[in-house]
Structure formats: C-alpha cells, structure tokens
Amino acid sequence: MKIGEMIAPRAAFGDALVELGKTNSEVVVFDSDVGESTQTSRFGKAYPDRFYQMGIAEANMVCAAAGMSTLGYTPWVSTFAVFLAKRAVDQIRVSIAYPKLNVKLNGAYGGIPTGKAGATHQAIQDIAVMRAMPNMTVWVASDAVETRQMVIESAKHQGPLYMRTVRCPVPVIFGNDYKFESGRSYCVTEGNDIAIIATGMMTPKALEAAKELDKEGIKARVIHMPTVKPIDEEAIVKASKDIGKIITVENHSMIGGLGGAVSEVLTDKAPCYLSRLGFPDIFGESGDNEKIFSKFGVNTENVVAKAKELVKGK
C-alpha cells in the first residue's frame, strides 16, 4: 500500500482477517449474509471450516459468537454497523459486554457511505451506542494501513471490541512505519494556530484542510484519534493548553461520537473553544456521499472555514 493510493477499508479488513487466520487458528468469523459487501467472504474462502454464515439473524449471530468465545475461540462478528448497533444491541450488551467476553465486532458501512442505501442503512449513531457500552473498546480506522493493523492488533486485545470500517475507497495516509496502539492518538501535522481532531475517513479530509490553511499562513495541528474509547485525554488536554481552539470532525452524529467525547474531556479538564463538525440530530438520506457530507458541512471546505473563524476569534 502506497500513500495516496485509494483503497476501501472493507477490502483491507477482509485481507487482514485472512492474514490473521494464518497465524491464529482460534479466529472464527460470523457473517449475516453480507460477506461479499463486508469482505469477510475472503476469510470464508480461505478457511471455510471457521466461517459461519448465520443468515439475516444478527441477534442470533451475536449470541452464537459469545458462546464460541467461552470455548477459547476468538470470534469476529461482521455486519453493517447500523444492524450491530441497533438490531443486535441488546445481545451485545447482555451476552458480550456485561460478561466481558473476547468478541470482536466489525461495524461495516459506517456512517454515510453505504452505496446510496439511505437512512435505513446509514449508521451515524453507532459510535455513540458502543461508546456508552461498559467494557467496550471502540476503534475507528482512517485508511487501509490502519485497518490492517487494527485487525492484527485485535489478537492482543482481550475483551469486547467494536471496530468501525467504511465501504468507500479512502486515501492511504500512513506509511509502513506506522504502528497502531489502542488508546493512543497520532499527531499527523504540527501547528499551534488551530487543532483539528479527526477520526476514521475524516482524517484524510482534515489533512487536506491543513494544507489549505497552510497556504494562508495558518498552521493546523491535526490529531488522528483512532481509539474513540478509551480516548487519548492527554493529547486533547495538551491541544487545549497549547492552542485553546479545537475543531472535531467525524462521519457520525455530533451527539455521542468523537465530538462528544472530546467535549467531555475538555469540560472536565481543560475548557477551551470547541467547534464540532458532524451530522446534526437527523436520520441520513440517500444520495452521493460527498454531496451529503457537503450539505451538512462535514467536508474539507467547512473545516477550513471553521478554522479561520476560530483563529480570527469569531
């Protein structure tokens, strides 16, 4: 994978599962009739005896995976994020999070990009649901490199884990020297005029915004936050004390996601000016991904505009 190359994280996820399966015979994968979409079908073809096609029965799938984990297996449960965080949430709460079982959840098709499937398939509240779940860790990958590393790193992680992937191709932003570590953020550009904290596919957009701001003499510190829970409080507090002006940007509702998590840290430990960019209290809608992002200001242009406002003290 080369920096700038456009690769869909779902494809990287499928390849990484196959890679993980080679070295860990305890990894099993559960799918709910969306394997071609989420790319778990690649694992199924490589290890058919460890791939369980459960049909459109997400709640049952979650319970079956929970049971397998008690026998020493490491189950990956994969389906669209909207179904995991809504249709199967009670089973996740009672059968996985409460007993702290070692089950990994792949919330595919996270956020708006669902191939124009519209409100029924768009998950813009899933991070809020999973972040509020006791014992649950939440990872949101930015590109194919990080997606692969998260899957490999999951073998070392004990306990419930929710990992969010997206459908659409996104640019690779990390090189071969990148090392994902749960709970840690990454400062991808330095600056002391404005801090931009982003996660998932919004981090490449934040980097684009930083380049545009640099042309106007505004130096942005872009902080990539791949772990939304537990969040890197130290990096957030440092940005507040160093700069005092922060923008968060996410492919998610402004309620309960990255912006909510950052605002909680700031309120408790280091108040400062904060502007949250995400979706308002709405259901999604069908249409071109970028047009929907632009309609609600979740795009590079709006990050640039908000940064200018904050820098100028408005």
C-alpha atoms as a PDB file:
ATOM      1  CA  MET A   1       0.000   0.000   0.000  1.00  0.00           C
ATOM      2  CA  LYS A   2       1.309   3.404  -1.022  1.00  0.00           C
ATOM      3  CA  ILE A   3       0.492   6.794   0.471  1.00  0.00           C
ATOM      4  CA  GLY A   4      -2.213   8.429  -1.621  1.00  0.00           C
ATOM      5  CA  GLU A   5      -3.496   5.159  -3.052  1.00  0.00           C
ATOM      6  CA  MET A   6      -7.290   4.828  -2.874  1.00  0.00           C
ATOM      7  CA  ILE A   7      -8.276   1.614  -1.067  1.00  0.00           C
ATOM      8  CA  ALA A   8     -11.570   0.684   0.586  1.00  0.00           C
ATOM      9  CA  PRO A   9     -11.057  -0.184   4.274  1.00  0.00           C
ATOM     10  CA  ARG A  10     -13.569  -3.022   3.908  1.00  0.00           C
ATOM     11  CA  ALA A  11     -11.200  -4.680   1.416  1.00  0.00           C
ATOM     12  CA  ALA A  12      -8.247  -4.194   3.757  1.00  0.00           C
ATOM     13  CA  PHE A  13     -10.355  -5.673   6.557  1.00  0.00           C
ATOM     14  CA  GLY A  14     -11.104  -8.808   4.556  1.00  0.00           C
ATOM     15  CA  ASP A  15      -7.450  -9.320   3.619  1.00  0.00           C
ATOM     16  CA  ALA A  16      -6.314  -8.717   7.199  1.00  0.00           C
ATOM     17  CA  LEU A  17      -8.716 -11.343   8.532  1.00  0.00           C
ATOM     18  CA  VAL A  18      -7.196 -13.876   6.145  1.00  0.00           C
ATOM     19  CA  GLU A  19      -3.729 -12.856   7.305  1.00  0.00           C
ATOM     20  CA  LEU A  20      -4.727 -13.167  10.952  1.00  0.00           C
ATOM     21  CA  GLY A  21      -6.268 -16.562  10.312  1.00  0.00           C
ATOM     22  CA  LYS A  22      -2.949 -17.929   9.070  1.00  0.00           C
ATOM     23  CA  THR A  23      -1.229 -17.410  12.415  1.00  0.00           C
ATOM     24  CA  ASN A  24      -4.188 -17.819  14.767  1.00  0.00           C
ATOM     25  CA  SER A  25      -6.278 -20.951  14.385  1.00  0.00           C
ATOM     26  CA  GLU A  26      -8.655 -19.792  17.130  1.00  0.00           C
ATOM     27  CA  VAL A  27     -10.018 -16.946  14.983  1.00  0.00           C
ATOM     28  CA  VAL A  28     -13.508 -17.649  13.652  1.00  0.00           C
ATOM     29  CA  VAL A  29     -15.743 -15.316  11.635  1.00  0.00           C
ATOM     30  CA  PHE A  30     -19.508 -14.892  11.769  1.00  0.00           C
ATOM     31  CA  ASP A  31     -21.400 -13.244   8.901  1.00  0.00           C
ATOM     32  CA  SER A  32     -25.052 -12.293   8.418  1.00  0.00           C
ATOM     33  CA  ASP A  33     -25.436 -12.728   4.662  1.00  0.00           C
ATOM     34  CA  VAL A  34     -23.344  -9.663   3.778  1.00  0.00           C
ATOM     35  CA  GLY A  35     -19.928 -11.292   3.368  1.00  0.00           C
ATOM     36  CA  GLU A  36     -19.395 -10.010  -0.165  1.00  0.00           C
ATOM     37  CA  SER A  37     -20.199  -6.483   0.998  1.00  0.00           C
ATOM     38  CA  THR A  38     -18.086  -6.511   4.163  1.00  0.00           C
ATOM     39  CA  GLN A  39     -15.404  -8.688   2.525  1.00  0.00           C
ATOM     40  CA  THR A  40     -15.463 -11.391   5.205  1.00  0.00           C
ATOM     41  CA  SER A  41     -16.128 -13.730   2.278  1.00  0.00           C
ATOM     42  CA  ARG A  42     -12.361 -13.705   1.726  1.00  0.00           C
ATOM     43  CA  PHE A  43     -11.885 -15.383   5.111  1.00  0.00           C
ATOM     44  CA  GLY A  44     -14.687 -17.812   4.270  1.00  0.00           C
ATOM     45  CA  LYS A  45     -12.961 -18.908   1.080  1.00  0.00           C
ATOM     46  CA  ALA A  46      -9.602 -19.301   2.844  1.00  0.00           C
ATOM     47  CA  TYR A  47     -10.931 -21.073   5.960  1.00  0.00           C
ATOM     48  CA  PRO A  48     -14.408 -22.469   5.239  1.00  0.00           C
ATOM     49  CA  ASP A  49     -14.396 -24.576   8.418  1.00  0.00           C
ATOM     50  CA  ARG A  50     -14.013 -21.419  10.532  1.00  0.00           C
ATOM     51  CA  PHE A  51     -16.575 -19.275   8.721  1.00  0.00           C
ATOM     52  CA  TYR A  52     -20.173 -19.278   9.940  1.00  0.00           C
ATOM     53  CA  GLN A  53     -22.883 -17.948   7.651  1.00  0.00           C
ATOM     54  CA  MET A  54     -25.735 -17.111  10.025  1.00  0.00           C
ATOM     55  CA  GLY A  55     -28.174 -15.531   7.586  1.00  0.00           C
ATOM     56  CA  ILE A  56     -30.103 -12.364   8.320  1.00  0.00           C
ATOM     57  CA  ALA A  57     -30.242 -13.065  12.055  1.00  0.00           C
ATOM     58  CA  GLU A  58     -27.869 -10.592  13.684  1.00  0.00           C
ATOM     59  CA  ALA A  59     -29.046 -11.101  17.254  1.00  0.00           C
ATOM     60  CA  ASN A  60     -28.630 -14.869  16.988  1.00  0.00           C
ATOM     61  CA  MET A  61     -25.215 -14.388  15.377  1.00  0.00           C
ATOM     62  CA  VAL A  62     -24.003 -12.281  18.293  1.00  0.00           C
ATOM     63  CA  CYS A  63     -25.160 -14.866  20.839  1.00  0.00           C
ATOM     64  CA  ALA A  64     -23.536 -17.719  18.903  1.00  0.00           C
ATOM     65  CA  ALA A  65     -20.251 -15.810  18.796  1.00  0.00           C
ATOM     66  CA  ALA A  66     -20.474 -15.149  22.532  1.00  0.00           C
ATOM     67  CA  GLY A  67     -20.858 -18.855  23.144  1.00  0.00           C
ATOM     68  CA  MET A  68     -17.888 -19.693  20.935  1.00  0.00           C
ATOM     69  CA  SER A  69     -15.713 -17.251  22.855  1.00  0.00           C
ATOM     70  CA  THR A  70     -16.327 -19.177  26.087  1.00  0.00           C
ATOM     71  CA  LEU A  71     -14.738 -22.221  24.418  1.00  0.00           C
ATOM     72  CA  GLY A  72     -11.469 -20.404  23.752  1.00  0.00           C
ATOM     73  CA  TYR A  73     -12.159 -19.138  20.238  1.00  0.00           C
ATOM     74  CA  THR A  74     -11.772 -15.523  19.148  1.00  0.00           C
ATOM     75  CA  PRO A  75     -14.897 -14.678  17.148  1.00  0.00           C
ATOM     76  CA  TRP A  76     -15.154 -11.788  14.712  1.00  0.00           C
ATOM     77  CA  VAL A  77     -18.781 -10.772  14.153  1.00  0.00           C
ATOM     78  CA  SER A  78     -19.260  -8.780  10.971  1.00  0.00           C
ATOM     79  CA  THR A  79     -22.277  -6.992   9.538  1.00  0.00           C
ATOM     80  CA  PHE A  80     -23.414  -3.479   8.719  1.00  0.00           C
ATOM     81  CA  ALA A  81     -22.796  -1.085  11.600  1.00  0.00           C
ATOM     82  CA  VAL A  82     -26.424   0.032  11.650  1.00  0.00           C
ATOM     83  CA  PHE A  83     -27.569  -3.519  12.399  1.00  0.00           C
ATOM     84  CA  LEU A  84     -24.945  -4.241  15.058  1.00  0.00           C
ATOM     85  CA  ALA A  85     -25.605  -1.007  16.917  1.00  0.00           C
ATOM     86  CA  LYS A  86     -29.403  -1.208  16.690  1.00  0.00           C
ATOM     87  CA  ARG A  87     -30.825  -4.626  15.884  1.00  0.00           C
ATOM     88  CA  ALA A  88     -28.347  -6.641  17.975  1.00  0.00           C
ATOM     89  CA  VAL A  89     -27.515  -4.105  20.663  1.00  0.00           C
ATOM     90  CA  ASP A  90     -29.294  -5.929  23.498  1.00  0.00           C
ATOM     91  CA  GLN A  91     -27.468  -9.170  22.747  1.00  0.00           C
ATOM     92  CA  ILE A  92     -24.155  -7.280  22.586  1.00  0.00           C
ATOM     93  CA  ARG A  93     -24.914  -5.635  25.917  1.00  0.00           C
ATOM     94  CA  VAL A  94     -26.018  -8.735  27.802  1.00  0.00           C
ATOM     95  CA  SER A  95     -24.061 -11.536  26.125  1.00  0.00           C
ATOM     96  CA  ILE A  96     -20.753  -9.810  25.288  1.00  0.00           C
ATOM     97  CA  ALA A  97     -20.162  -6.523  27.114  1.00  0.00           C
ATOM     98  CA  TYR A  98     -21.599  -7.474  30.507  1.00  0.00           C
ATOM     99  CA  PRO A  99     -19.559 -10.705  30.875  1.00  0.00           C
ATOM    100  CA  LYS A 100     -16.532  -9.054  29.182  1.00  0.00           C
ATOM    101  CA  LEU A 101     -16.220 -11.767  26.553  1.00  0.00           C
ATOM    102  CA  ASN A 102     -13.455 -11.734  23.968  1.00  0.00           C
ATOM    103  CA  VAL A 103     -15.623 -10.999  20.927  1.00  0.00           C
ATOM    104  CA  LYS A 104     -14.661  -8.591  18.138  1.00  0.00           C
ATOM    105  CA  LEU A 105     -17.358  -6.663  16.271  1.00  0.00           C
ATOM    106  CA  ASN A 106     -16.862  -5.238  12.792  1.00  0.00           C
ATOM    107  CA  GLY A 107     -19.340  -2.436  12.147  1.00  0.00           C
ATOM    108  CA  ALA A 108     -19.097  -2.245   8.354  1.00  0.00           C
ATOM    109  CA  TYR A 109     -20.534   0.509   6.159  1.00  0.00           C
ATOM    110  CA  GLY A 110     -20.020   3.009   8.975  1.00  0.00           C
ATOM    111  CA  GLY A 111     -21.512   6.484   8.622  1.00  0.00           C
ATOM    112  CA  ILE A 112     -22.953   7.909   5.409  1.00  0.00           C
ATOM    113  CA  PRO A 113     -21.153   5.903   2.635  1.00  0.00           C
ATOM    114  CA  THR A 114     -23.465   2.929   2.025  1.00  0.00           C
ATOM    115  CA  GLY A 115     -23.805   2.980  -1.739  1.00  0.00           C
ATOM    116  CA  LYS A 116     -26.850   5.277  -1.702  1.00  0.00           C
ATOM    117  CA  ALA A 117     -28.808   2.881   0.550  1.00  0.00           C
ATOM    118  CA  GLY A 118     -30.168   5.801   2.543  1.00  0.00           C
ATOM    119  CA  ALA A 119     -31.371   6.240   6.112  1.00  0.00           C
ATOM    120  CA  THR A 120     -32.156   2.585   6.800  1.00  0.00           C
ATOM    121  CA  HIS A 121     -28.535   1.511   6.246  1.00  0.00           C
ATOM    122  CA  GLN A 122     -26.533   4.563   7.315  1.00  0.00           C
ATOM    123  CA  ALA A 123     -25.013   4.281  10.790  1.00  0.00           C
ATOM    124  CA  ILE A 124     -24.454   7.746  12.211  1.00  0.00           C
ATOM    125  CA  GLN A 125     -25.197   6.834  15.830  1.00  0.00           C
ATOM    126  CA  ASP A 126     -23.230   3.577  16.179  1.00  0.00           C
ATOM    127  CA  ILE A 127     -20.159   5.052  17.879  1.00  0.00           C
ATOM    128  CA  ALA A 128     -22.379   6.763  20.446  1.00  0.00           C
ATOM    129  CA  VAL A 129     -24.127   3.467  21.206  1.00  0.00           C
ATOM    130  CA  MET A 130     -20.915   1.463  21.511  1.00  0.00           C
ATOM    131  CA  ARG A 131     -19.035   4.190  23.383  1.00  0.00           C
ATOM    132  CA  ALA A 132     -21.738   4.197  26.051  1.00  0.00           C
ATOM    133  CA  MET A 133     -21.481   0.428  26.458  1.00  0.00           C
ATOM    134  CA  PRO A 134     -19.499  -0.540  29.596  1.00  0.00           C
ATOM    135  CA  ASN A 135     -16.394  -2.668  28.910  1.00  0.00           C
ATOM    136  CA  MET A 136     -16.484  -1.876  25.168  1.00  0.00           C
ATOM    137  CA  THR A 137     -13.417  -0.551  23.321  1.00  0.00           C
ATOM    138  CA  VAL A 138     -14.089   1.452  20.141  1.00  0.00           C
ATOM    139  CA  TRP A 139     -11.640   1.691  17.204  1.00  0.00           C
ATOM    140  CA  VAL A 140     -12.254   3.723  14.031  1.00  0.00           C
ATOM    141  CA  ALA A 141      -9.731   3.206  11.227  1.00  0.00           C
ATOM    142  CA  SER A 142      -8.722   6.016   8.882  1.00  0.00           C
ATOM    143  CA  ASP A 143      -7.245   4.068   5.973  1.00  0.00           C
ATOM    144  CA  ALA A 144      -6.307   0.608   4.710  1.00  0.00           C
ATOM    145  CA  VAL A 145      -2.964   0.550   6.533  1.00  0.00           C
ATOM    146  CA  GLU A 146      -4.565   1.277   9.878  1.00  0.00           C
ATOM    147  CA  THR A 147      -7.432  -1.124   9.200  1.00  0.00           C
ATOM    148  CA  ARG A 148      -4.980  -3.964   8.666  1.00  0.00           C
ATOM    149  CA  GLN A 149      -3.025  -3.084  11.795  1.00  0.00           C
ATOM    150  CA  MET A 150      -6.178  -2.934  13.905  1.00  0.00           C
ATOM    151  CA  VAL A 151      -7.206  -6.416  12.816  1.00  0.00           C
ATOM    152  CA  ILE A 152      -3.744  -7.816  13.594  1.00  0.00           C
ATOM    153  CA  GLU A 153      -3.618  -5.932  16.906  1.00  0.00           C
ATOM    154  CA  SER A 154      -7.035  -7.309  17.859  1.00  0.00           C
ATOM    155  CA  ALA A 155      -5.391 -10.647  18.625  1.00  0.00           C
ATOM    156  CA  LYS A 156      -3.630  -8.977  21.568  1.00  0.00           C
ATOM    157  CA  HIS A 157      -6.735  -7.193  22.792  1.00  0.00           C
ATOM    158  CA  GLN A 158      -8.742  -9.025  25.440  1.00  0.00           C
ATOM    159  CA  GLY A 159     -12.404  -8.204  25.843  1.00  0.00           C
ATOM    160  CA  PRO A 160     -15.238  -6.685  23.811  1.00  0.00           C
ATOM    161  CA  LEU A 161     -14.132  -4.609  20.834  1.00  0.00           C
ATOM    162  CA  TYR A 162     -16.090  -2.589  18.275  1.00  0.00           C
ATOM    163  CA  MET A 163     -14.179  -1.712  15.126  1.00  0.00           C
ATOM    164  CA  ARG A 164     -15.753   0.532  12.512  1.00  0.00           C
ATOM    165  CA  THR A 165     -14.958   0.258   8.798  1.00  0.00           C
ATOM    166  CA  VAL A 166     -16.314   2.104   5.763  1.00  0.00           C
ATOM    167  CA  ARG A 167     -17.389   0.967   2.326  1.00  0.00           C
ATOM    168  CA  CYS A 168     -15.875   3.612   0.060  1.00  0.00           C
ATOM    169  CA  PRO A 169     -12.232   3.917  -1.045  1.00  0.00           C
ATOM    170  CA  VAL A 170     -10.212   6.405   1.014  1.00  0.00           C
ATOM    171  CA  PRO A 171      -6.641   7.609   0.514  1.00  0.00           C
ATOM    172  CA  VAL A 172      -3.838   5.827   2.328  1.00  0.00           C
ATOM    173  CA  ILE A 173      -2.288   8.362   4.727  1.00  0.00           C
ATOM    174  CA  PHE A 174       0.062   6.161   6.736  1.00  0.00           C
ATOM    175  CA  GLY A 175       3.301   4.537   5.620  1.00  0.00           C
ATOM    176  CA  ASN A 176       4.897   1.233   6.536  1.00  0.00           C
ATOM    177  CA  ASP A 177       6.415   2.809   9.655  1.00  0.00           C
ATOM    178  CA  TYR A 178       3.002   3.458  11.208  1.00  0.00           C
ATOM    179  CA  LYS A 179       2.180   1.483  14.374  1.00  0.00           C
ATOM    180  CA  PHE A 180      -1.336   1.455  15.735  1.00  0.00           C
ATOM    181  CA  GLU A 181      -1.697   1.318  19.510  1.00  0.00           C
ATOM    182  CA  SER A 182      -5.058   1.201  21.259  1.00  0.00           C
ATOM    183  CA  GLY A 183      -5.815   4.299  23.309  1.00  0.00           C
ATOM    184  CA  ARG A 184      -3.215   6.436  21.594  1.00  0.00           C
ATOM    185  CA  SER A 185      -3.735   9.361  19.210  1.00  0.00           C
ATOM    186  CA  TYR A 186      -1.357  10.435  16.444  1.00  0.00           C
ATOM    187  CA  CYS A 187      -0.273  13.980  15.652  1.00  0.00           C
ATOM    188  CA  VAL A 188      -0.029  13.855  11.861  1.00  0.00           C
ATOM    189  CA  THR A 189       0.762  17.545  11.312  1.00  0.00           C
ATOM    190  CA  GLU A 190       2.239  20.071  13.713  1.00  0.00           C
ATOM    191  CA  GLY A 191       0.810  23.518  14.321  1.00  0.00           C
ATOM    192  CA  ASN A 192      -0.164  25.962  17.055  1.00  0.00           C
ATOM    193  CA  ASP A 193      -2.851  28.118  15.425  1.00  0.00           C
ATOM    194  CA  ILE A 194      -5.687  25.589  15.459  1.00  0.00           C
ATOM    195  CA  ALA A 195      -6.109  21.935  16.454  1.00  0.00           C
ATOM    196  CA  ILE A 196      -8.183  19.608  14.292  1.00  0.00           C
ATOM    197  CA  ILE A 197      -9.107  16.295  15.897  1.00  0.00           C
ATOM    198  CA  ALA A 198     -10.480  13.742  13.449  1.00  0.00           C
ATOM    199  CA  THR A 199     -11.217  10.061  13.243  1.00  0.00           C
ATOM    200  CA  GLY A 200     -11.862   7.498  10.527  1.00  0.00           C
ATOM    201  CA  MET A 201     -12.237   8.648   6.932  1.00  0.00           C
ATOM    202  CA  MET A 202     -12.403  12.276   8.111  1.00  0.00           C
ATOM    203  CA  THR A 203      -8.701  12.324   9.000  1.00  0.00           C
ATOM    204  CA  PRO A 204      -7.661  12.491   5.304  1.00  0.00           C
ATOM    205  CA  LYS A 205     -10.102  15.399   4.895  1.00  0.00           C
ATOM    206  CA  ALA A 206      -8.587  17.102   7.941  1.00  0.00           C
ATOM    207  CA  LEU A 207      -5.156  16.737   6.357  1.00  0.00           C
ATOM    208  CA  GLU A 208      -6.457  18.333   3.161  1.00  0.00           C
ATOM    209  CA  ALA A 209      -7.839  21.199   5.242  1.00  0.00           C
ATOM    210  CA  ALA A 210      -4.475  21.650   6.972  1.00  0.00           C
ATOM    211  CA  LYS A 211      -2.788  22.000   3.569  1.00  0.00           C
ATOM    212  CA  GLU A 212      -5.290  24.665   2.504  1.00  0.00           C
ATOM    213  CA  LEU A 213      -4.867  26.539   5.781  1.00  0.00           C
ATOM    214  CA  ASP A 214      -1.094  26.415   5.445  1.00  0.00           C
ATOM    215  CA  LYS A 215      -1.373  28.312   2.152  1.00  0.00           C
ATOM    216  CA  GLU A 216      -2.887  31.178   4.160  1.00  0.00           C
ATOM    217  CA  GLY A 217      -0.283  31.033   6.910  1.00  0.00           C
ATOM    218  CA  ILE A 218      -2.439  29.122   9.400  1.00  0.00           C
ATOM    219  CA  LYS A 219      -0.652  26.176  10.988  1.00  0.00           C
ATOM    220  CA  ALA A 220      -3.008  23.385  11.997  1.00  0.00           C
ATOM    221  CA  ARG A 221      -2.196  20.564  14.382  1.00  0.00           C
ATOM    222  CA  VAL A 222      -4.082  17.557  13.004  1.00  0.00           C
ATOM    223  CA  ILE A 223      -4.617  14.863  15.609  1.00  0.00           C
ATOM    224  CA  HIS A 224      -5.867  11.494  14.388  1.00  0.00           C
ATOM    225  CA  MET A 225      -7.948   9.726  17.051  1.00  0.00           C
ATOM    226  CA  PRO A 226      -8.336   6.057  16.020  1.00  0.00           C
ATOM    227  CA  THR A 227      -9.438   4.993  19.501  1.00  0.00           C
ATOM    228  CA  VAL A 228     -12.623   6.788  20.479  1.00  0.00           C
ATOM    229  CA  LYS A 229     -12.861   4.739  23.674  1.00  0.00           C
ATOM    230  CA  PRO A 230     -10.687   4.884  25.705  1.00  0.00           C
ATOM    231  CA  ILE A 231      -9.867   8.265  24.232  1.00  0.00           C
ATOM    232  CA  ASP A 232      -6.423   9.871  24.469  1.00  0.00           C
ATOM    233  CA  GLU A 233      -7.225  12.508  27.093  1.00  0.00           C
ATOM    234  CA  GLU A 234      -3.617  13.652  27.360  1.00  0.00           C
ATOM    235  CA  ALA A 235      -3.468  14.717  23.692  1.00  0.00           C
ATOM    236  CA  ILE A 236      -6.767  16.586  23.980  1.00  0.00           C
ATOM    237  CA  VAL A 237      -5.710  18.448  27.119  1.00  0.00           C
ATOM    238  CA  LYS A 238      -2.359  19.311  25.555  1.00  0.00           C
ATOM    239  CA  ALA A 239      -4.066  20.751  22.461  1.00  0.00           C
ATOM    240  CA  SER A 240      -6.341  22.811  24.689  1.00  0.00           C
ATOM    241  CA  LYS A 241      -3.485  24.218  26.732  1.00  0.00           C
ATOM    242  CA  ASP A 242      -1.147  24.749  23.759  1.00  0.00           C
ATOM    243  CA  ILE A 243      -3.692  26.235  21.353  1.00  0.00           C
ATOM    244  CA  GLY A 244      -7.035  26.778  23.064  1.00  0.00           C
ATOM    245  CA  LYS A 245      -9.038  26.306  19.833  1.00  0.00           C
ATOM    246  CA  ILE A 246     -10.164  22.877  18.642  1.00  0.00           C
ATOM    247  CA  ILE A 247     -12.295  21.511  15.801  1.00  0.00           C
ATOM    248  CA  THR A 248     -13.555  17.926  15.762  1.00  0.00           C
ATOM    249  CA  VAL A 249     -14.686  16.294  12.516  1.00  0.00           C
ATOM    250  CA  GLU A 250     -16.354  12.920  12.135  1.00  0.00           C
ATOM    251  CA  ASN A 251     -18.505  10.756   9.863  1.00  0.00           C
ATOM    252  CA  HIS A 252     -21.075  10.456  12.653  1.00  0.00           C
ATOM    253  CA  SER A 253     -23.696  12.378  14.572  1.00  0.00           C
ATOM    254  CA  MET A 254     -22.385  15.226  16.704  1.00  0.00           C
ATOM    255  CA  ILE A 255     -24.254  13.571  19.582  1.00  0.00           C
ATOM    256  CA  GLY A 256     -22.180  10.992  21.432  1.00  0.00           C
ATOM    257  CA  GLY A 257     -19.375  10.488  18.940  1.00  0.00           C
ATOM    258  CA  LEU A 258     -15.856  11.906  18.742  1.00  0.00           C
ATOM    259  CA  GLY A 259     -17.010  15.482  19.290  1.00  0.00           C
ATOM    260  CA  GLY A 260     -18.980  14.460  22.345  1.00  0.00           C
ATOM    261  CA  ALA A 261     -16.034  12.525  23.773  1.00  0.00           C
ATOM    262  CA  VAL A 262     -13.636  15.439  23.213  1.00  0.00           C
ATOM    263  CA  SER A 263     -16.063  17.944  24.745  1.00  0.00           C
ATOM    264  CA  GLU A 264     -16.423  15.750  27.836  1.00  0.00           C
ATOM    265  CA  VAL A 265     -12.659  15.726  28.342  1.00  0.00           C
ATOM    266  CA  LEU A 266     -12.390  19.472  27.806  1.00  0.00           C
ATOM    267  CA  THR A 267     -15.256  20.249  30.178  1.00  0.00           C
ATOM    268  CA  ASP A 268     -13.698  18.172  32.938  1.00  0.00           C
ATOM    269  CA  LYS A 269     -10.033  19.007  32.485  1.00  0.00           C
ATOM    270  CA  ALA A 270      -9.197  21.882  30.134  1.00  0.00           C
ATOM    271  CA  PRO A 271     -12.026  24.075  28.780  1.00  0.00           C
ATOM    272  CA  CYS A 272     -11.369  25.903  25.508  1.00  0.00           C
ATOM    273  CA  TYR A 273     -13.099  26.988  22.289  1.00  0.00           C
ATOM    274  CA  LEU A 274     -14.528  23.943  20.505  1.00  0.00           C
ATOM    275  CA  SER A 275     -16.364  23.581  17.198  1.00  0.00           C
ATOM    276  CA  ARG A 276     -17.825  20.147  16.393  1.00  0.00           C
ATOM    277  CA  LEU A 277     -18.359  19.119  12.772  1.00  0.00           C
ATOM    278  CA  GLY A 278     -20.594  16.118  12.254  1.00  0.00           C
ATOM    279  CA  PHE A 279     -24.198  15.351  11.446  1.00  0.00           C
ATOM    280  CA  PRO A 280     -26.979  17.066  13.391  1.00  0.00           C
ATOM    281  CA  ASP A 281     -29.790  15.180  15.143  1.00  0.00           C
ATOM    282  CA  ILE A 282     -31.140  13.600  11.951  1.00  0.00           C
ATOM    283  CA  PHE A 283     -31.560  10.358  10.079  1.00  0.00           C
ATOM    284  CA  GLY A 284     -29.465  10.041   6.941  1.00  0.00           C
ATOM    285  CA  GLU A 285     -30.641  10.307   3.353  1.00  0.00           C
ATOM    286  CA  SER A 286     -29.895   8.703   0.016  1.00  0.00           C
ATOM    287  CA  GLY A 287     -27.526  10.388  -2.390  1.00  0.00           C
ATOM    288  CA  ASP A 288     -23.945  10.941  -3.421  1.00  0.00           C
ATOM    289  CA  ASN A 289     -21.635  10.638  -0.420  1.00  0.00           C
ATOM    290  CA  GLU A 290     -19.743  13.870  -0.951  1.00  0.00           C
ATOM    291  CA  LYS A 291     -22.919  15.833  -1.617  1.00  0.00           C
ATOM    292  CA  ILE A 292     -24.388  14.658   1.688  1.00  0.00           C
ATOM    293  CA  PHE A 293     -21.169  15.483   3.531  1.00  0.00           C
ATOM    294  CA  SER A 294     -21.163  18.940   1.968  1.00  0.00           C
ATOM    295  CA  LYS A 295     -24.843  19.548   2.726  1.00  0.00           C
ATOM    296  CA  PHE A 296     -24.145  19.162   6.440  1.00  0.00           C
ATOM    297  CA  GLY A 297     -20.733  20.843   6.453  1.00  0.00           C
ATOM    298  CA  VAL A 298     -18.747  17.672   7.084  1.00  0.00           C
ATOM    299  CA  ASN A 299     -16.137  18.393   4.440  1.00  0.00           C
ATOM    300  CA  THR A 300     -12.723  19.932   3.876  1.00  0.00           C
ATOM    301  CA  GLU A 301     -14.125  23.316   2.901  1.00  0.00           C
ATOM    302  CA  ASN A 302     -16.087  23.694   6.122  1.00  0.00           C
ATOM    303  CA  VAL A 303     -13.142  22.581   8.253  1.00  0.00           C
ATOM    304  CA  VAL A 304     -11.114  25.359   6.617  1.00  0.00           C
ATOM    305  CA  ALA A 305     -13.901  27.902   7.163  1.00  0.00           C
ATOM    306  CA  LYS A 306     -14.372  26.973  10.834  1.00  0.00           C
ATOM    307  CA  ALA A 307     -10.634  27.074  11.432  1.00  0.00           C
ATOM    308  CA  LYS A 308     -10.436  30.609  10.030  1.00  0.00           C
ATOM    309  CA  GLU A 309     -13.319  31.703  12.252  1.00  0.00           C
ATOM    310  CA  LEU A 310     -11.679  30.341  15.384  1.00  0.00           C
ATOM    311  CA  VAL A 311      -8.240  31.703  14.521  1.00  0.00           C
ATOM    312  CA  LYS A 312      -9.732  35.151  13.954  1.00  0.00           C
ATOM    313  CA  GLY A 313     -11.523  34.907  17.280  1.00  0.00           C
ATOM    314  CA  LYS A 314     -15.065  34.822  15.940  1.00  0.00           C
END
